[in-house]
Amino acid sequence: MFCATYFWFERLQVKQLQKIFLYPDIFYSGLLKADVKGLTFKHTAIHLSWKNFKEGYDNPDDKINLGLHELAHALKFDLEDELGFDSHFANYIDDWQRISEKEYNELANEVPSFLRSYGGANREEFFAVCVEHFFEAPEAFEDELPDIYNHLCFLLQQNPQNTTSDYLLTPTFLEKIKANEELIPLKPKTRIHHLRESFYGLSLLMFVSGLVIGVPVYLYYSEMLLTENGFFKAVAIPVFIFGLLQSVFFKIRGFNNMGYFVAYNFIGFVFLTLSLFVIVNYSIREKKTATRLHKIRLIDLEVVEGRGTGKYILTLEKNELINYIDVRTFSKSEVGDITHSQMENSEIFMVLHLSKGFWGIDNVLSKRLIQIGANNSYR
């Protein structure tokens, strides 16, 4: 009986089903807090009542088959797993659901139907009930709901009525549907890439691109930005929020793996977008430049974990540019031989050469230190 059940799904791949647990009779589900005949968990196992599983084959035309019902759930659950799913099924399930939408809504509103009323509980149960009817009463299914049946044949890649040719979909079957103008035609050519499949690849590509390109480029160019409002406040936060809003779209389209989305959004999308922003701001800038002088109050050696880094951080008068550590950081060679005693006898200034960028944010083109002595000489 297990072989008979799985036979119907041999042309599809249920990739994430790992185990099948059997119980003598109806069993209690701690998750649902109720007695159940069968239960399918995402990416792990199917739990079945052996008694009810057998009854599905003892009465082969009652349109109730627990094994087929739970395997149908497992097939749908596969679409939410990042490790793989049947590509053909993923490509066509949305089309089939669109075609069966009217019948599902009527069943949900308790309108009498050829299909068992339990199919109106939700979209998942509707698909599972259709699968039961598809295999146990294919002739009646085709007579009552020809479009849903025909497209389910294509979705599951078989025709239960074709007993003479191993249940295959034949050109004659496809031509018969095409010739009947009252039927919704099949689409033999499915989309090459389904959103779920393409998004897994896109997530990985975005993550690697963000890590290898986005982060280094952003860190390099962001040191050259000077905005009084703060770059993260002005740009990074809106980009981050827009990235989060994309999760709503992907969830609606059936993509529910948040691990992949976090990699896509936080490392990939956000940093690639920010790197593009800073590159555009720096590359497309005004030819006119401006010079700003900032008087230095203190020069301190940067220390990390008790050790000097070889870099110096400037403290400016009135704590100017307090939020721009990169702009106020100089190497030892840039500081030269300026000493604290020299600072007491002369004035030290940081000179910034600026140019306004494409987004209206000033780019720091260059920076240097000058020392003005008591006689107004400088070097």
Protein backbone atom coordinates (compact mmCIF):
# COMPACT_ATOMS: atom_id res chain seq x y z
CA MET A 1 0.00 0.00 0.00
CA PHE A 2 2.88 2.38 0.70
CA CYS A 3 4.28 1.56 -2.74
CA ALA A 4 0.86 2.20 -4.29
CA THR A 5 0.65 5.56 -2.57
CA TYR A 6 4.13 6.67 -3.55
CA PHE A 7 3.69 5.35 -7.10
CA TRP A 8 1.33 8.19 -7.89
CA PHE A 9 4.02 10.67 -6.90
CA GLU A 10 6.94 9.03 -8.67
CA ARG A 11 7.02 11.71 -11.38
CA LEU A 12 7.36 14.39 -8.70
CA GLN A 13 10.00 14.75 -6.01
CA VAL A 14 9.08 15.04 -2.35
CA LYS A 15 12.61 15.93 -1.34
CA GLN A 16 12.36 16.85 2.32
CA LEU A 17 10.27 13.95 3.64
CA GLN A 18 12.54 12.03 6.02
CA LYS A 19 10.35 9.64 8.03
CA ILE A 20 6.88 8.08 8.19
CA PHE A 21 5.49 7.20 11.62
CA LEU A 22 2.64 4.69 11.93
CA TYR A 23 0.13 4.44 14.79
CA PRO A 24 -2.36 1.58 15.22
CA ASP A 25 -5.36 3.92 15.23
CA ILE A 26 -6.29 7.57 15.68
CA PHE A 27 -3.62 9.28 17.81
CA TYR A 28 -3.36 12.40 19.92
CA SER A 29 -1.46 15.43 18.60
CA GLY A 30 0.11 17.58 21.27
CA LEU A 31 0.53 20.34 18.69
CA LEU A 32 -3.16 20.47 17.75
CA LYS A 33 -4.41 19.31 21.17
CA ALA A 34 -6.74 16.87 19.42
CA ASP A 35 -7.05 13.31 18.12
CA VAL A 36 -6.04 13.05 14.47
CA LYS A 37 -5.83 10.44 11.69
CA GLY A 38 -2.78 11.91 10.04
CA LEU A 39 -0.34 14.78 10.38
CA THR A 40 2.46 16.14 8.20
CA PHE A 41 5.27 18.28 9.54
CA LYS A 42 7.28 20.58 7.30
CA HIS A 43 10.54 19.06 6.08
CA THR A 44 10.51 16.14 8.53
CA ALA A 45 7.86 13.43 8.78
CA ILE A 46 4.37 12.14 8.09
CA HIS A 47 2.38 10.59 10.96
CA LEU A 48 -0.39 8.16 9.97
CA SER A 49 -3.07 6.06 11.58
CA TRP A 50 -2.52 2.59 10.08
CA LYS A 51 -6.20 1.74 10.42
CA ASN A 52 -7.29 4.82 8.45
CA PHE A 53 -4.46 4.43 5.97
CA LYS A 54 -5.68 0.91 5.13
CA GLU A 55 -9.27 2.09 4.83
CA GLY A 56 -8.15 4.42 2.05
CA TYR A 57 -7.34 1.38 -0.08
CA ASP A 58 -10.08 -0.90 1.21
CA ASN A 59 -12.56 1.61 -0.24
CA PRO A 60 -10.78 2.76 -3.42
CA ASP A 61 -13.61 4.88 -4.80
CA ASP A 62 -14.87 6.77 -1.74
CA LYS A 63 -12.56 9.70 -2.56
CA ILE A 64 -10.92 9.49 0.88
CA ASN A 65 -7.31 8.33 1.06
CA LEU A 66 -5.21 9.33 4.06
CA GLY A 67 -1.89 8.42 2.43
CA LEU A 68 -2.50 10.51 -0.68
CA HIS A 69 -3.85 13.34 1.45
CA GLU A 70 -0.74 13.61 3.65
CA LEU A 71 1.68 13.16 0.75
CA ALA A 72 -0.06 16.07 -0.98
CA HIS A 73 0.67 18.20 2.10
CA ALA A 74 4.31 17.10 2.06
CA LEU A 75 4.61 18.08 -1.61
CA LYS A 76 3.28 21.58 -0.89
CA PHE A 77 5.46 21.97 2.20
CA ASP A 78 8.53 21.26 0.06
CA LEU A 79 8.03 24.63 -1.63
CA GLU A 80 8.98 26.39 1.61
CA ASP A 81 12.29 24.59 2.04
CA GLU A 82 15.58 26.10 0.92
CA LEU A 83 17.18 22.70 0.28
CA GLY A 84 15.10 21.89 -2.76
CA PHE A 85 11.71 21.13 -4.24
CA ASP A 86 10.22 19.80 -7.45
CA SER A 87 10.82 22.53 -10.05
CA HIS A 88 7.93 21.58 -12.35
CA PHE A 89 5.48 21.55 -9.46
CA ALA A 90 6.79 24.89 -8.19
CA ASN A 91 6.49 26.40 -11.67
CA TYR A 92 2.85 25.45 -12.18
CA ILE A 93 1.19 25.41 -8.74
CA ASP A 94 0.29 29.12 -8.89
CA ASP A 95 -1.43 28.63 -12.25
CA TRP A 96 -3.41 25.68 -10.94
CA GLN A 97 -4.47 27.60 -7.83
CA ARG A 98 -5.63 30.49 -9.99
CA ILE A 99 -7.73 28.15 -12.15
CA SER A 100 -9.27 26.46 -9.09
CA GLU A 101 -9.85 29.69 -7.15
CA LYS A 102 -13.57 29.93 -7.95
CA GLU A 103 -14.28 26.35 -6.86
CA TYR A 104 -12.26 26.81 -3.67
CA ASN A 105 -14.16 29.96 -2.71
CA GLU A 106 -17.49 28.25 -3.27
CA LEU A 107 -16.40 25.26 -1.20
CA ALA A 108 -15.19 27.58 1.56
CA ASN A 109 -18.64 29.22 1.55
CA GLU A 110 -20.26 25.78 1.92
CA VAL A 111 -21.69 25.67 -1.61
CA PRO A 112 -22.40 21.99 -2.52
CA SER A 113 -19.61 20.58 -4.68
CA PHE A 114 -18.29 17.38 -6.20
CA LEU A 115 -15.31 17.82 -3.89
CA ARG A 116 -15.43 16.85 -0.22
CA SER A 117 -16.45 19.78 2.01
CA TYR A 118 -13.26 19.50 4.07
CA GLY A 119 -11.43 21.04 1.13
CA GLY A 120 -12.99 24.39 2.01
CA ALA A 121 -11.06 24.58 5.29
CA ASN A 122 -8.05 26.29 3.66
CA ARG A 123 -5.95 26.24 0.51
CA GLU A 124 -3.73 23.41 1.75
CA GLU A 125 -6.66 21.11 2.51
CA PHE A 126 -8.27 22.01 -0.81
CA PHE A 127 -5.22 20.79 -2.71
CA ALA A 128 -5.01 17.60 -0.64
CA VAL A 129 -8.72 16.84 -1.16
CA CYS A 130 -8.35 17.43 -4.91
CA VAL A 131 -5.46 14.94 -4.99
CA GLU A 132 -7.64 12.31 -3.27
CA HIS A 133 -10.45 12.81 -5.81
CA PHE A 134 -7.94 12.93 -8.66
CA PHE A 135 -6.64 9.42 -8.01
CA GLU A 136 -9.78 7.74 -6.65
CA ALA A 137 -12.45 9.17 -8.98
CA PRO A 138 -10.66 10.61 -12.04
CA GLU A 139 -13.54 10.04 -14.50
CA ALA A 140 -16.09 11.79 -12.30
CA PHE A 141 -13.58 14.55 -11.50
CA GLU A 142 -13.06 15.26 -15.19
CA ASP A 143 -16.81 15.30 -15.85
CA GLU A 144 -17.62 17.62 -12.95
CA LEU A 145 -14.61 19.94 -12.92
CA PRO A 146 -12.75 19.47 -16.21
CA ASP A 147 -10.45 22.50 -15.97
CA ILE A 148 -9.30 21.74 -12.45
CA TYR A 149 -8.78 18.08 -13.40
CA ASN A 150 -6.90 18.80 -16.64
CA HIS A 151 -4.53 21.24 -15.05
CA LEU A 152 -4.02 18.93 -12.08
CA CYS A 153 -2.96 16.29 -14.63
CA PHE A 154 -0.36 18.68 -15.92
CA LEU A 155 0.68 19.78 -12.42
CA LEU A 156 1.21 16.18 -11.27
CA GLN A 157 2.53 15.07 -14.69
CA GLN A 158 0.15 12.13 -15.14
CA ASN A 159 -3.36 11.12 -16.14
CA PRO A 160 -4.90 8.42 -13.88
CA GLN A 161 -7.31 7.46 -16.67
CA ASN A 162 -4.54 6.50 -19.08
CA THR A 163 -4.12 2.96 -17.77
CA THR A 164 -2.77 1.63 -21.07
CA SER A 165 0.27 3.93 -21.27
CA ASP A 166 1.57 4.03 -17.70
CA TYR A 167 -0.68 6.99 -16.84
CA LEU A 168 1.38 9.32 -19.03
CA LEU A 169 0.17 12.60 -20.47
CA THR A 170 -0.13 11.96 -24.20
CA PRO A 171 -0.22 14.41 -27.12
CA THR A 172 -3.80 13.22 -27.74
CA PHE A 173 -4.84 14.35 -24.26
CA LEU A 174 -3.25 17.76 -24.76
CA GLU A 175 -4.79 18.18 -28.23
CA LYS A 176 -8.23 17.24 -26.94
CA ILE A 177 -8.11 20.07 -24.41
CA LYS A 178 -6.75 22.52 -26.97
CA ALA A 179 -9.54 21.68 -29.42
CA ASN A 180 -12.31 22.34 -26.89
CA GLU A 181 -12.85 26.10 -26.72
CA GLU A 182 -14.86 25.75 -23.51
CA LEU A 183 -11.81 24.49 -21.63
CA ILE A 184 -8.91 26.53 -20.28
CA PRO A 185 -5.89 25.57 -22.43
CA LEU A 186 -2.80 24.05 -20.85
CA LYS A 187 0.56 25.77 -20.83
CA PRO A 188 3.07 23.06 -21.74
CA LYS A 189 5.94 25.53 -21.49
CA THR A 190 6.36 26.45 -17.84
CA ARG A 191 8.43 29.33 -16.60
CA ILE A 192 12.12 28.52 -16.55
CA HIS A 193 12.64 30.05 -13.13
CA HIS A 194 10.08 30.02 -10.36
CA LEU A 195 10.27 32.83 -7.80
CA ARG A 196 11.13 30.42 -4.97
CA GLU A 197 13.87 28.70 -6.97
CA SER A 198 15.34 31.89 -8.38
CA PHE A 199 15.22 33.64 -5.02
CA TYR A 200 17.38 31.01 -3.33
CA GLY A 201 20.04 31.58 -5.99
CA LEU A 202 19.52 35.34 -5.81
CA SER A 203 19.91 35.27 -2.02
CA LEU A 204 23.26 33.51 -2.27
CA LEU A 205 24.45 35.80 -5.07
CA MET A 206 23.39 38.93 -3.16
CA PHE A 207 25.01 37.69 0.05
CA VAL A 208 28.36 36.94 -1.61
CA SER A 209 28.27 40.16 -3.66
CA GLY A 210 27.40 42.21 -0.60
CA LEU A 211 30.15 40.60 1.47
CA VAL A 212 32.89 40.71 -1.19
CA ILE A 213 31.96 43.93 -3.02
CA GLY A 214 29.33 45.88 -1.09
CA VAL A 215 30.95 46.00 2.36
CA PRO A 216 34.51 46.92 1.24
CA VAL A 217 33.31 49.51 -1.29
CA TYR A 218 30.94 51.08 1.22
CA LEU A 219 33.58 51.25 3.96
CA TYR A 220 36.12 52.80 1.58
CA TYR A 221 33.89 55.48 0.05
CA SER A 222 31.89 56.26 3.18
CA GLU A 223 35.11 57.64 4.73
CA MET A 224 34.99 60.34 2.08
CA LEU A 225 31.47 61.51 2.89
CA LEU A 226 30.71 64.50 5.05
CA THR A 227 27.08 65.17 5.86
CA GLU A 228 25.94 67.23 8.81
CA ASN A 229 22.76 65.16 9.19
CA GLY A 230 24.62 61.88 9.54
CA PHE A 231 24.83 59.39 6.71
CA PHE A 232 23.09 56.52 8.50
CA LYS A 233 20.21 58.73 9.51
CA ALA A 234 19.80 60.18 6.02
CA VAL A 235 20.33 57.11 3.87
CA ALA A 236 21.13 53.84 5.59
CA ILE A 237 17.98 53.63 7.71
CA PRO A 238 15.55 54.17 4.79
CA VAL A 239 17.46 51.57 2.71
CA PHE A 240 17.30 49.12 5.60
CA ILE A 241 13.55 49.70 6.07
CA PHE A 242 12.89 49.25 2.34
CA GLY A 243 14.82 46.00 2.47
CA LEU A 244 12.63 44.77 5.32
CA LEU A 245 9.46 45.70 3.43
CA GLN A 246 10.49 43.31 0.67
CA SER A 247 9.83 40.44 3.08
CA VAL A 248 6.10 41.17 2.78
CA PHE A 249 6.22 40.64 -0.99
CA PHE A 250 8.24 37.44 -0.75
CA LYS A 251 5.98 36.05 1.98
CA ILE A 252 2.90 36.71 -0.18
CA ARG A 253 4.58 34.87 -3.03
CA GLY A 254 5.20 31.87 -0.78
CA PHE A 255 8.82 32.40 0.21
CA ASN A 256 9.02 31.92 3.98
CA ASN A 257 12.64 31.10 4.79
CA MET A 258 13.83 34.00 6.90
CA GLY A 259 17.43 32.76 7.13
CA TYR A 260 17.90 33.28 3.41
CA PHE A 261 16.05 36.59 3.54
CA VAL A 262 18.30 37.92 6.33
CA ALA A 263 21.39 37.04 4.27
CA TYR A 264 19.81 38.62 1.20
CA ASN A 265 18.69 41.81 2.94
CA PHE A 266 21.23 42.68 5.64
CA ILE A 267 24.46 41.67 3.90
CA GLY A 268 23.41 41.69 0.27
CA PHE A 269 20.75 44.25 -0.58
CA VAL A 270 21.59 46.86 2.08
CA PHE A 271 25.35 47.00 1.53
CA LEU A 272 25.15 46.79 -2.26
CA THR A 273 22.62 49.64 -2.27
CA LEU A 274 24.72 51.74 0.11
CA SER A 275 27.89 51.09 -1.88
CA LEU A 276 26.11 52.21 -5.06
CA PHE A 277 24.89 55.32 -3.26
CA VAL A 278 28.34 56.39 -2.09
CA ILE A 279 30.00 55.58 -5.44
CA VAL A 280 27.46 57.72 -7.32
CA ASN A 281 27.83 60.56 -4.80
CA TYR A 282 31.62 60.52 -5.12
CA SER A 283 31.88 59.93 -8.88
CA ILE A 284 29.28 62.47 -10.01
CA ARG A 285 30.25 65.64 -8.20
CA GLU A 286 30.56 69.36 -8.82
CA LYS A 287 33.80 70.64 -10.31
CA LYS A 288 33.73 73.54 -7.90
CA THR A 289 35.58 72.78 -4.66
CA ALA A 290 35.50 74.36 -1.23
CA THR A 291 38.10 74.56 1.50
CA ARG A 292 37.33 74.34 5.20
CA LEU A 293 39.71 74.91 8.10
CA HIS A 294 39.19 73.35 11.51
CA LYS A 295 41.38 74.30 14.43
CA ILE A 296 42.84 71.32 16.26
CA ARG A 297 42.71 71.22 20.05
CA LEU A 298 44.33 67.85 20.67
CA ILE A 299 46.13 65.05 18.81
CA ASP A 300 45.87 61.62 20.41
CA LEU A 301 47.42 58.32 19.42
CA GLU A 302 44.66 55.79 18.66
CA VAL A 303 44.85 52.91 21.11
CA VAL A 304 43.11 49.55 20.71
CA GLU A 305 43.36 46.98 23.53
CA GLY A 306 46.24 48.84 25.11
CA ARG A 307 48.31 49.06 21.92
CA GLY A 308 48.87 51.95 19.58
CA THR A 309 47.58 51.53 16.04
CA GLY A 310 49.96 53.98 14.40
CA LYS A 311 47.07 56.35 13.69
CA TYR A 312 46.19 59.64 15.34
CA ILE A 313 42.72 61.00 16.11
CA LEU A 314 42.25 64.75 16.17
CA THR A 315 40.00 66.60 18.58
CA LEU A 316 38.79 69.87 17.05
CA GLU A 317 37.80 73.10 18.70
CA LYS A 318 34.16 73.14 19.84
CA ASN A 319 34.13 69.38 19.17
CA GLU A 320 33.51 69.97 15.49
CA LEU A 321 32.96 66.89 13.32
CA ILE A 322 32.68 64.81 16.49
CA ASN A 323 30.73 62.11 14.61
CA TYR A 324 33.26 61.83 11.77
CA ILE A 325 36.12 59.83 13.20
CA ASP A 326 37.36 58.78 9.75
CA VAL A 327 37.78 62.41 8.70
CA ARG A 328 39.62 63.21 11.93
CA THR A 329 41.96 60.21 11.69
CA PHE A 330 45.48 60.71 10.30
CA SER A 331 48.43 58.39 9.82
CA LYS A 332 51.76 58.98 11.53
CA SER A 333 53.31 60.22 8.27
CA GLU A 334 50.47 62.73 7.82
CA VAL A 335 50.90 64.10 11.34
CA GLY A 336 54.64 64.34 10.78
CA ASP A 337 56.75 65.78 13.61
CA ILE A 338 54.06 67.92 15.21
CA THR A 339 54.47 67.77 19.01
CA HIS A 340 52.37 68.95 21.91
CA SER A 341 54.90 71.67 22.67
CA GLN A 342 54.57 72.94 19.10
CA MET A 343 50.80 73.04 19.52
CA GLU A 344 51.25 75.30 22.56
CA ASN A 345 53.35 77.75 20.60
CA SER A 346 51.43 77.69 17.32
CA GLU A 347 48.07 76.83 15.88
CA ILE A 348 47.41 73.57 14.03
CA PHE A 349 44.58 73.35 11.52
CA MET A 350 43.01 70.52 9.58
CA VAL A 351 42.34 71.56 5.99
CA LEU A 352 39.55 69.79 4.09
CA HIS A 353 39.02 70.12 0.33
CA LEU A 354 35.37 69.37 -0.40
CA SER A 355 33.12 68.93 -3.41
CA LYS A 356 29.36 68.48 -3.31
CA GLY A 357 28.29 65.11 -4.67
CA PHE A 358 25.31 63.92 -6.72
CA TRP A 359 23.09 63.43 -3.65
CA GLY A 360 24.03 66.79 -2.15
CA ILE A 361 26.49 65.26 0.32
CA ASP A 362 29.98 66.72 0.54
CA ASN A 363 32.86 64.48 -0.54
CA VAL A 364 36.20 64.87 1.18
CA LEU A 365 38.60 64.99 -1.76
CA SER A 366 41.69 65.50 0.37
CA LYS A 367 42.78 66.50 3.86
CA ARG A 368 46.00 67.70 5.44
CA LEU A 369 47.40 69.47 8.49
CA ILE A 370 48.99 72.93 8.54
CA GLN A 371 50.86 74.65 11.35
CA ILE A 372 50.67 78.43 11.72
CA GLY A 373 53.39 79.95 13.91
CA ALA A 374 53.40 83.07 16.01
CA ASN A 375 54.67 85.13 13.06
CA ASN A 376 51.77 83.82 10.92
CA SER A 377 54.09 81.56 8.96
CA TYR A 378 52.82 78.09 8.20
CA ARG A 379 53.98 74.79 6.88
